[in-house]
């Protein structure tokens, strides 16, 4: 079977890179090349931004109804082609076919539907006479041309999280997908061209050099990235030279605090599912578990047993809960984190690569970790859950907040007052109570500290892609 070849989408057309250069795309289930994508350079980024800039006025001044209708049509087209899109996503990432269809694809169209409605409901302060003989009002306007960079863990959904609110607000876009997962991004961009004016949405594939060119370019007024903390810091630094607006959704190290009154069986099952979903390659994954001492041993045993029942495997295997890690570098990172486990820690289950090809890693539970251990402080981003034992609520809170990240967290308890106290004091952008990882279009997602700033999803996410203008008119005689 011949390799596939992806193309950029610029000014409404499918195009190769200006140089004709491509790079290899690796199948994570085999470690072998399965496709090629354009290796875009400065000229390609220039062309994409020129198209977005030329399209901006027309899209920005389109009525909210027109933009809303376009997004609704995109949502409908996604639903019509959902099996095809899912197959492309799973081929590119190694995700399990049925689980991805059930757990991810429904959100793909729903996010567009939500922001289609949001496009018609932007709000501001009411007009009024705040100064004698003068009327003031507020305009909420699109920021302008936006550069966006998306990650490899959820290529399709993270692209939608970026483009749907930006488009709804009236911005035009140049987006670069991860070099390891360009397939669904180019497919979605191609699908969108039927419903958007040329140049409104452009996608350029490439490597880190392409990403640097996209961020440093003079044209965009805003850059947005979902990625690692290091990548976010580099983007913020590069954007600072032009004082571009920056939106960063970065890493996480979610604390999962289990008190001794929690239902052990259901908590273990829920936490294992939220820690291993997508091979733990999720910045909100439930991978840092803190358990009260009284139930520690029983809970660790239950968690290890639950993890064993959520195996890794091939995309078309119905028993597969999660697929491979995305790439060889990520496999090496996860392997290294487990191999460097301190002597006081114990591998309860897993702890090794699975299969002799591809980037699969066993579901893994590590116990006996201490607060200053590397495995507790550093994002593993793999199917590895660490467990610590705490004595009381104060210690749990100190350890939960005692990392550089601030994206998400959860509390497992039957004590309503305790849950509310913890939700107030946990220094994370999301707090789940007796659950972990669900998202809805209507609620914001975004973190604090090294997890970045800005919100995805919800009206807050859309507002991030707008700017505020005060208009005052003299009305005296």
Protein backbone atom coordinates (compact mmCIF):
# COMPACT_ATOMS: atom_id res chain seq x y z
CA UNK A 1 0.00 0.00 0.00
CA UNK A 2 1.49 3.30 -1.13
CA UNK A 3 2.20 6.00 1.42
CA UNK A 4 -0.33 8.78 1.75
CA UNK A 5 0.67 12.36 0.99
CA UNK A 6 -0.94 15.25 2.86
CA UNK A 7 -1.08 18.83 1.62
CA UNK A 8 -1.31 22.29 3.12
CA UNK A 9 -4.57 24.22 2.85
CA UNK A 10 -3.90 27.84 1.86
CA UNK A 11 -6.37 30.38 0.49
CA UNK A 12 -8.97 27.69 -0.09
CA UNK A 13 -6.68 25.37 -2.04
CA UNK A 14 -4.72 22.18 -1.36
CA UNK A 15 -1.06 22.92 -2.05
CA UNK A 16 2.36 21.39 -1.56
CA UNK A 17 5.12 23.26 0.20
CA UNK A 18 6.76 25.93 -1.96
CA UNK A 19 10.02 23.99 -1.89
CA UNK A 20 8.36 20.67 -2.61
CA UNK A 21 10.00 19.23 0.51
CA UNK A 22 8.14 16.74 2.68
CA UNK A 23 8.81 14.86 5.90
CA UNK A 24 7.92 11.36 7.04
CA UNK A 25 4.86 10.65 9.20
CA UNK A 26 5.26 7.60 11.44
CA UNK A 27 2.56 5.06 12.33
CA UNK A 28 2.86 4.74 16.14
CA UNK A 29 1.47 1.20 16.07
CA UNK A 30 4.41 -0.01 13.97
CA UNK A 31 7.11 2.67 14.17
CA UNK A 32 7.18 2.72 10.37
CA UNK A 33 6.55 5.47 7.81
CA UNK A 34 2.98 5.54 6.54
CA UNK A 35 2.66 9.02 5.01
CA UNK A 36 4.43 12.21 4.02
CA UNK A 37 3.46 15.81 4.75
CA UNK A 38 4.68 19.20 3.48
CA UNK A 39 7.74 20.59 5.21
CA UNK A 40 6.59 24.19 5.13
CA UNK A 41 9.08 27.03 5.25
CA UNK A 42 9.00 30.81 5.49
CA UNK A 43 7.46 31.22 2.04
CA UNK A 44 4.57 28.92 2.92
CA UNK A 45 3.92 30.74 6.19
CA UNK A 46 4.06 34.09 4.34
CA UNK A 47 1.50 32.89 1.78
CA UNK A 48 -0.84 31.55 4.46
CA UNK A 49 -0.71 34.77 6.48
CA UNK A 50 -1.19 36.87 3.37
CA UNK A 51 -4.34 34.87 2.59
CA UNK A 52 -5.62 35.21 6.16
CA UNK A 53 -4.90 38.94 6.16
CA UNK A 54 -6.70 39.48 2.86
CA UNK A 55 -9.72 37.52 4.09
CA UNK A 56 -9.96 39.26 7.45
CA UNK A 57 -12.16 42.27 6.66
CA UNK A 58 -14.77 40.18 4.87
CA UNK A 59 -15.00 37.62 7.68
CA UNK A 60 -14.75 40.12 10.54
CA UNK A 61 -17.59 42.22 9.16
CA UNK A 62 -19.78 39.27 8.23
CA UNK A 63 -22.89 39.22 10.37
CA UNK A 64 -22.90 36.95 13.42
CA UNK A 65 -25.69 35.04 11.71
CA UNK A 66 -23.53 34.38 8.66
CA UNK A 67 -20.62 33.16 10.76
CA UNK A 68 -22.98 31.06 12.87
CA UNK A 69 -24.50 29.44 9.79
CA UNK A 70 -21.07 28.56 8.45
CA UNK A 71 -20.09 26.86 11.71
CA UNK A 72 -23.37 24.95 11.80
CA UNK A 73 -22.73 23.69 8.28
CA UNK A 74 -19.26 22.56 9.31
CA UNK A 75 -20.79 20.70 12.27
CA UNK A 76 -23.24 18.99 9.91
CA UNK A 77 -20.49 18.02 7.48
CA UNK A 78 -18.47 16.50 10.32
CA UNK A 79 -21.44 14.41 11.37
CA UNK A 80 -21.98 13.21 7.81
CA UNK A 81 -18.35 12.11 7.51
CA UNK A 82 -17.75 11.08 11.10
CA UNK A 83 -16.67 7.50 10.36
CA UNK A 84 -14.16 8.70 7.75
CA UNK A 85 -12.78 11.38 10.07
CA UNK A 86 -12.52 8.89 12.94
CA UNK A 87 -10.67 6.40 10.75
CA UNK A 88 -8.18 9.07 9.68
CA UNK A 89 -7.63 10.17 13.30
CA UNK A 90 -7.07 6.61 14.51
CA UNK A 91 -4.80 5.74 11.60
CA UNK A 92 -2.63 8.74 12.42
CA UNK A 93 -2.54 8.31 16.21
CA UNK A 94 -3.13 4.62 16.89
CA UNK A 95 -6.17 5.40 19.05
CA UNK A 96 -8.75 2.60 19.50
CA UNK A 97 -11.38 3.00 16.79
CA UNK A 98 -14.59 2.40 18.75
CA UNK A 99 -13.59 4.26 21.92
CA UNK A 100 -12.46 7.27 19.88
CA UNK A 101 -15.73 7.26 17.97
CA UNK A 102 -17.72 7.05 21.20
CA UNK A 103 -15.69 9.40 23.40
CA UNK A 104 -14.21 12.03 21.06
CA UNK A 105 -16.06 12.34 17.79
CA UNK A 106 -19.37 13.54 19.23
CA UNK A 107 -17.61 16.56 20.69
CA UNK A 108 -16.16 17.45 17.30
CA UNK A 109 -19.49 18.61 15.94
CA UNK A 110 -20.87 19.77 19.30
CA UNK A 111 -18.09 22.32 19.82
CA UNK A 112 -18.88 23.87 16.44
CA UNK A 113 -22.58 23.96 17.31
CA UNK A 114 -21.90 25.67 20.62
CA UNK A 115 -19.70 28.36 19.10
CA UNK A 116 -22.18 28.82 16.28
CA UNK A 117 -24.65 29.90 18.96
CA UNK A 118 -22.04 31.88 20.87
CA UNK A 119 -21.27 33.92 17.75
CA UNK A 120 -24.72 35.50 18.10
CA UNK A 121 -24.58 36.15 21.84
CA UNK A 122 -21.51 38.27 22.52
CA UNK A 123 -22.23 40.65 25.37
CA UNK A 124 -20.85 43.91 26.73
CA UNK A 125 -21.81 46.73 29.06
CA UNK A 126 -24.98 48.57 28.14
CA UNK A 127 -24.69 51.94 26.43
CA UNK A 128 -25.17 54.88 28.75
CA UNK A 129 -24.28 58.43 29.72
CA UNK A 130 -21.37 57.97 32.08
CA UNK A 131 -20.36 61.60 31.43
CA UNK A 132 -22.81 64.47 31.00
CA UNK A 133 -23.79 64.99 27.34
CA UNK A 134 -21.77 61.96 26.24
CA UNK A 135 -22.97 58.45 25.42
CA UNK A 136 -20.55 55.51 25.72
CA UNK A 137 -20.81 51.98 24.50
CA UNK A 138 -18.51 49.01 24.07
CA UNK A 139 -17.66 47.16 20.87
CA UNK A 140 -16.36 43.62 21.14
CA UNK A 141 -14.33 42.96 18.01
CA UNK A 142 -12.22 40.09 16.62
CA UNK A 143 -8.53 40.30 17.48
CA UNK A 144 -7.46 39.91 13.85
CA UNK A 145 -5.32 37.28 12.15
CA UNK A 146 -4.46 34.50 14.61
CA UNK A 147 -1.63 31.97 14.51
CA UNK A 148 -2.36 28.65 16.19
CA UNK A 149 -0.32 25.55 17.03
CA UNK A 150 -1.96 22.27 18.05
CA UNK A 151 -0.56 19.13 19.75
CA UNK A 152 -0.43 15.45 18.87
CA UNK A 153 -2.48 13.96 21.71
CA UNK A 154 -5.92 15.05 20.40
CA UNK A 155 -5.18 16.40 16.91
CA UNK A 156 -8.78 16.84 15.79
CA UNK A 157 -10.35 18.06 19.02
CA UNK A 158 -7.53 20.45 19.89
CA UNK A 159 -7.78 21.97 16.42
CA UNK A 160 -11.50 22.47 16.93
CA UNK A 161 -10.95 23.96 20.40
CA UNK A 162 -8.73 26.50 18.69
CA UNK A 163 -10.51 27.32 15.44
CA UNK A 164 -14.20 27.21 16.45
CA UNK A 165 -14.13 30.15 18.94
CA UNK A 166 -11.68 32.11 16.79
CA UNK A 167 -13.89 31.76 13.72
CA UNK A 168 -17.06 32.51 15.66
CA UNK A 169 -15.53 35.77 16.89
CA UNK A 170 -14.60 36.83 13.35
CA UNK A 171 -10.88 36.09 13.24
CA UNK A 172 -8.96 34.48 10.40
CA UNK A 173 -6.44 31.73 11.07
CA UNK A 174 -3.15 30.12 10.14
CA UNK A 175 -2.76 26.86 12.03
CA UNK A 176 0.12 24.39 12.26
CA UNK A 177 -0.69 20.86 13.48
CA UNK A 178 1.89 18.71 15.22
CA UNK A 179 4.38 17.25 12.78
CA UNK A 180 3.55 13.73 13.99
CA UNK A 181 -0.24 14.01 13.47
CA UNK A 182 -1.18 16.16 10.45
CA UNK A 183 -3.87 13.90 8.98
CA UNK A 184 -7.15 14.95 10.61
CA UNK A 185 -6.13 18.62 10.70
CA UNK A 186 -5.62 18.78 6.96
CA UNK A 187 -8.82 16.80 6.38
CA UNK A 188 -10.87 19.11 8.61
CA UNK A 189 -9.37 22.21 6.98
CA UNK A 190 -10.24 20.81 3.56
CA UNK A 191 -13.80 20.08 4.70
CA UNK A 192 -14.18 23.63 6.05
CA UNK A 193 -13.30 25.25 2.74
CA UNK A 194 -16.76 24.48 1.35
CA UNK A 195 -18.32 26.72 3.99
CA UNK A 196 -15.72 29.43 4.62
CA UNK A 197 -14.43 32.15 2.29
CA UNK A 198 -10.92 31.46 0.91
CA UNK A 199 -8.19 32.45 3.31
CA UNK A 200 -10.29 32.40 6.48
CA UNK A 201 -8.79 29.08 7.64
CA UNK A 202 -5.32 28.01 6.50
CA UNK A 203 -3.27 25.02 7.62
CA UNK A 204 0.47 24.62 7.10
CA UNK A 205 2.25 21.42 8.06
CA UNK A 206 5.85 21.27 9.16
CA UNK A 207 8.37 20.90 11.95
CA UNK A 208 9.47 23.09 14.85
CA UNK A 209 11.05 25.52 12.39
CA UNK A 210 7.64 25.99 10.78
CA UNK A 211 6.13 26.63 14.17
CA UNK A 212 8.76 29.21 15.03
CA UNK A 213 8.13 31.00 11.73
CA UNK A 214 4.40 31.01 12.38
CA UNK A 215 4.77 32.50 15.88
CA UNK A 216 7.43 35.07 14.97
CA UNK A 217 5.66 36.35 11.85
CA UNK A 218 4.67 40.02 11.84
CA UNK A 219 1.11 39.50 10.62
CA UNK A 220 -0.79 37.79 13.47
CA UNK A 221 -2.12 39.89 16.33
CA UNK A 222 -2.48 36.78 18.51
CA UNK A 223 -0.86 33.36 18.83
CA UNK A 224 -2.41 30.39 20.61
CA UNK A 225 -0.83 27.06 21.42
CA UNK A 226 -1.72 23.83 23.15
CA UNK A 227 1.51 22.08 24.00
CA UNK A 228 4.31 21.57 26.48
CA UNK A 229 5.41 24.11 29.07
CA UNK A 230 8.72 24.54 27.25
CA UNK A 231 6.95 25.20 23.95
CA UNK A 232 4.60 27.68 25.65
CA UNK A 233 7.50 29.61 27.15
CA UNK A 234 9.19 29.77 23.74
CA UNK A 235 5.98 31.01 22.11
CA UNK A 236 5.46 33.66 24.80
CA UNK A 237 9.02 34.87 24.41
CA UNK A 238 8.81 35.06 20.62
CA UNK A 239 5.42 36.80 20.73
CA UNK A 240 6.71 39.36 23.21
CA UNK A 241 8.91 40.97 20.57
CA UNK A 242 5.76 42.17 18.77
CA UNK A 243 3.57 42.35 21.89
CA UNK A 244 1.21 39.81 20.36
CA UNK A 245 -1.66 38.56 22.48
CA UNK A 246 -0.84 35.04 23.69
CA UNK A 247 -3.12 32.14 24.63
CA UNK A 248 -1.36 29.17 26.27
CA UNK A 249 -2.84 25.79 27.25
CA UNK A 250 0.13 23.82 28.51
CA UNK A 251 1.01 20.85 30.69
CA UNK A 252 -0.58 19.48 33.82
CA UNK A 253 0.04 17.25 36.80
CA UNK A 254 -3.46 16.72 38.13
CA UNK A 255 -3.81 15.75 41.79
CA UNK A 256 -6.49 13.16 42.44
CA UNK A 257 -7.29 13.34 46.17
CA UNK A 258 -9.05 10.26 47.57
CA UNK A 259 -10.33 10.54 51.15
CA UNK A 260 -11.03 7.57 53.38
CA UNK A 261 -14.81 7.90 53.06
CA UNK A 262 -14.72 7.48 49.27
CA UNK A 263 -16.21 4.42 47.59
CA UNK A 264 -13.00 2.53 46.90
CA UNK A 265 -14.23 0.35 44.04
CA UNK A 266 -15.92 3.10 42.04
CA UNK A 267 -13.11 5.58 42.73
CA UNK A 268 -10.45 3.11 41.58
CA UNK A 269 -12.38 2.33 38.42
CA UNK A 270 -13.04 5.97 37.62
CA UNK A 271 -9.49 7.10 38.32
CA UNK A 272 -7.94 4.27 36.32
CA UNK A 273 -10.15 5.17 33.38
CA UNK A 274 -9.25 8.86 33.62
CA UNK A 275 -5.56 8.13 34.11
CA UNK A 276 -5.16 5.68 31.23
CA UNK A 277 -7.49 7.20 28.64
CA UNK A 278 -5.55 8.05 25.49
CA UNK A 279 -2.52 6.33 27.05
CA UNK A 280 -2.39 9.04 29.71
CA UNK A 281 -1.41 11.52 27.00
CA UNK A 282 -3.69 14.18 28.38
CA UNK A 283 -2.65 17.25 30.37
CA UNK A 284 -5.67 16.67 32.63
CA UNK A 285 -5.06 12.93 33.12
CA UNK A 286 -5.66 11.45 36.58
CA UNK A 287 -2.10 10.30 37.03
CA UNK A 288 -1.04 11.79 40.43
CA UNK A 289 -3.14 10.03 43.05
CA UNK A 290 -3.10 11.03 46.74
CA UNK A 291 -4.85 8.54 49.02
CA UNK A 292 -5.67 8.90 52.72
CA UNK A 293 -3.60 6.49 54.82
CA UNK A 294 -6.55 4.54 56.24
CA UNK A 295 -7.55 3.11 52.85
CA UNK A 296 -4.19 3.36 51.07
CA UNK A 297 -3.33 -0.32 50.73
CA UNK A 298 -6.83 -1.39 49.77
CA UNK A 299 -7.12 1.41 47.25
CA UNK A 300 -3.74 0.72 45.64
CA UNK A 301 -4.73 -2.91 45.14
CA UNK A 302 -8.05 -1.88 43.61
CA UNK A 303 -6.39 0.70 41.34
CA UNK A 304 -3.82 -1.82 40.09
CA UNK A 305 -6.55 -4.34 39.38
CA UNK A 306 -8.65 -1.76 37.53
CA UNK A 307 -5.61 -0.72 35.46
CA UNK A 308 -4.98 -4.32 34.42
CA UNK A 309 -8.49 -4.41 33.01
CA UNK A 310 -7.79 -1.44 30.70
CA UNK A 311 -5.13 -2.84 28.36
CA UNK A 312 -3.22 -1.28 25.51
CA UNK A 313 -3.46 -2.74 22.04
CA UNK A 314 -4.16 -2.20 18.36
CA UNK A 315 -6.87 0.23 17.18
CA UNK A 316 -9.19 -2.45 15.80
CA UNK A 317 -8.94 -4.78 18.82
CA UNK A 318 -12.23 -4.48 20.73
CA UNK A 319 -10.47 -5.22 24.04
CA UNK A 320 -8.13 -2.22 23.64
CA UNK A 321 -8.70 0.67 26.05
CA UNK A 322 -5.79 2.80 24.88
CA UNK A 323 -3.35 2.76 22.02
CA UNK A 324 0.37 3.45 21.71
CA UNK A 325 2.32 6.45 22.82
CA UNK A 326 2.56 8.96 20.02
CA UNK A 327 6.21 8.76 19.06
CA UNK A 328 9.59 7.27 19.87
CA UNK A 329 10.68 10.26 21.94
CA UNK A 330 7.59 10.01 24.13
CA UNK A 331 8.13 6.29 24.63
CA UNK A 332 11.71 6.99 25.69
CA UNK A 333 10.50 9.70 28.12
CA UNK A 334 7.91 7.45 29.78
CA UNK A 335 10.32 4.51 29.92
CA UNK A 336 12.98 6.68 31.50
CA UNK A 337 10.64 8.02 34.16
CA UNK A 338 9.74 4.49 35.26
CA UNK A 339 13.28 3.15 34.95
CA UNK A 340 14.52 5.93 37.26
CA UNK A 341 12.00 5.04 39.96
CA UNK A 342 13.54 5.57 43.44
CA UNK A 343 14.18 2.58 45.70
CA UNK A 344 11.34 3.51 48.07
CA UNK A 345 8.76 3.20 45.29
CA UNK A 346 7.08 0.01 44.05
CA UNK A 347 5.69 -1.01 40.66
CA UNK A 348 2.27 -2.45 41.46
CA UNK A 349 1.51 -3.38 37.85
CA UNK A 350 2.98 -2.72 34.42
CA UNK A 351 6.21 -0.78 34.17
CA UNK A 352 7.40 -2.01 30.79
CA UNK A 353 7.03 -1.60 27.05
CA UNK A 354 4.53 -3.91 25.39
CA UNK A 355 5.04 -5.60 22.00
CA UNK A 356 8.28 -5.56 20.02
CA UNK A 357 7.09 -2.94 17.53
CA UNK A 358 5.29 0.35 17.84
CA UNK A 359 5.26 2.58 20.93
CA UNK A 360 3.00 0.64 23.30
CA UNK A 361 3.45 0.81 27.07
CA UNK A 362 1.68 -1.23 29.72
CA UNK A 363 -0.86 0.32 32.11
CA UNK A 364 1.28 1.14 35.13
CA UNK A 365 0.63 1.93 38.81
CA UNK A 366 3.51 3.11 41.02
CA UNK A 367 3.13 3.33 44.81
CA UNK A 368 5.30 4.65 47.63
CA UNK A 369 6.16 7.91 45.87
CA UNK A 370 7.23 10.98 47.84
CA UNK A 371 6.37 14.60 47.15
CA UNK A 372 9.81 15.58 45.84
CA UNK A 373 10.23 12.57 43.55
CA UNK A 374 10.69 13.29 39.85
CA UNK A 375 7.73 11.09 39.00
CA UNK A 376 5.46 13.26 41.16
CA UNK A 377 6.80 16.64 40.08
CA UNK A 378 7.30 16.07 36.33
CA UNK A 379 4.61 15.42 33.75
CA UNK A 380 4.97 11.81 32.58
CA UNK A 381 2.29 12.03 29.86
CA UNK A 382 1.88 8.30 29.59
CA UNK A 383 -0.17 5.41 31.03
CA UNK A 384 1.54 5.74 34.43
CA UNK A 385 -0.24 6.60 37.69
CA UNK A 386 1.66 7.45 40.86
CA UNK A 387 0.22 7.01 44.37
CA UNK A 388 1.12 8.87 47.57
CA UNK A 389 -0.28 8.34 51.05
CA UNK A 390 -1.44 11.37 53.06
CA UNK A 391 -2.66 11.70 56.63
CA UNK A 392 -5.16 14.57 56.70
CA UNK A 393 -6.86 17.25 54.63
CA UNK A 394 -4.15 19.85 55.25
CA UNK A 395 -1.38 17.57 54.05
CA UNK A 396 -3.43 16.50 51.04
CA UNK A 397 -3.96 20.11 50.04
CA UNK A 398 -0.29 21.03 50.51
CA UNK A 399 0.88 18.14 48.37
CA UNK A 400 -1.85 18.62 45.77
CA UNK A 401 -0.84 22.26 45.22
CA UNK A 402 2.87 21.52 45.55
CA UNK A 403 3.72 21.32 41.84
CA UNK A 404 4.45 23.89 39.14
CA UNK A 405 1.26 23.07 37.25
CA UNK A 406 -2.28 24.30 37.82
CA UNK A 407 -4.57 22.82 35.17
CA UNK A 408 -6.94 20.28 36.71
CA UNK A 409 -7.65 18.27 39.85
CA UNK A 410 -10.26 16.09 41.49
CA UNK A 411 -11.57 15.25 44.96
CA UNK A 412 -13.16 11.94 45.91
CA UNK A 413 -15.23 12.04 49.10
CA UNK A 414 -18.79 11.70 50.43
CA UNK A 415 -18.31 14.75 52.68
CA UNK A 416 -19.99 17.67 50.92
CA UNK A 417 -18.39 20.35 53.07
CA UNK A 418 -14.94 18.86 52.58
CA UNK A 419 -15.45 18.76 48.82
CA UNK A 420 -16.37 22.45 48.81
CA UNK A 421 -13.39 23.37 50.99
CA UNK A 422 -11.01 21.50 48.72
CA UNK A 423 -12.52 22.95 45.55
CA UNK A 424 -11.97 26.46 46.95
CA UNK A 425 -8.35 25.86 47.93
CA UNK A 426 -7.08 23.68 45.10
CA UNK A 427 -4.97 25.93 42.86
CA UNK A 428 -6.15 24.49 39.56
CA UNK A 429 -8.33 25.76 36.73
CA UNK A 430 -10.70 22.80 37.01
CA UNK A 431 -11.82 20.79 40.03
CA UNK A 432 -13.91 17.66 39.58
CA UNK A 433 -15.74 16.09 42.52
CA UNK A 434 -16.16 12.29 42.50
CA UNK A 435 -15.30 12.21 38.81
CA UNK A 436 -12.35 13.21 36.65
CA UNK A 437 -11.84 14.35 33.03
CA UNK A 438 -15.33 15.05 31.56
CA UNK A 439 -15.60 18.20 29.41
CA UNK A 440 -18.59 20.09 28.05
CA UNK A 441 -18.66 22.86 25.48
CA UNK A 442 -20.34 25.29 27.86
CA UNK A 443 -17.68 25.23 30.60
CA UNK A 444 -14.14 26.72 30.43
CA UNK A 445 -10.90 24.78 30.34
CA UNK A 446 -7.58 26.41 31.18
CA UNK A 447 -5.03 26.53 33.96
CA UNK A 448 -2.83 28.56 36.25
CA UNK A 449 0.92 28.73 36.94
CA UNK A 450 2.99 26.71 34.43
CA UNK A 451 -0.17 25.34 32.86
CA UNK A 452 -0.57 28.63 31.03
CA UNK A 453 -3.32 31.22 30.72
CA UNK A 454 -6.43 31.79 28.68
CA UNK A 455 -9.46 29.55 28.38
CA UNK A 456 -10.63 27.06 25.79
CA UNK A 457 -14.31 26.16 25.35
CA UNK A 458 -17.26 28.19 26.73
CA UNK A 459 -17.99 31.90 26.29
CA UNK A 460 -14.75 32.61 28.15
CA UNK A 461 -12.87 30.83 25.40
CA UNK A 462 -14.58 32.90 22.74
CA UNK A 463 -13.94 36.14 24.60
CA UNK A 464 -10.21 35.36 24.51
CA UNK A 465 -10.39 35.80 20.74
CA UNK A 466 -11.94 39.26 20.99
CA UNK A 467 -10.79 42.76 21.89
CA UNK A 468 -12.70 45.55 23.60
CA UNK A 469 -13.19 49.02 22.13
CA UNK A 470 -14.80 51.95 23.95
CA UNK A 471 -16.76 54.36 21.73
CA UNK A 472 -17.96 57.73 23.13
CA UNK A 473 -20.19 60.21 21.34
CA UNK A 474 -20.90 63.81 22.31
CA UNK A 475 -24.68 64.29 22.36
CA UNK A 476 -24.99 67.84 23.71
CA UNK A 477 -26.84 70.52 21.76
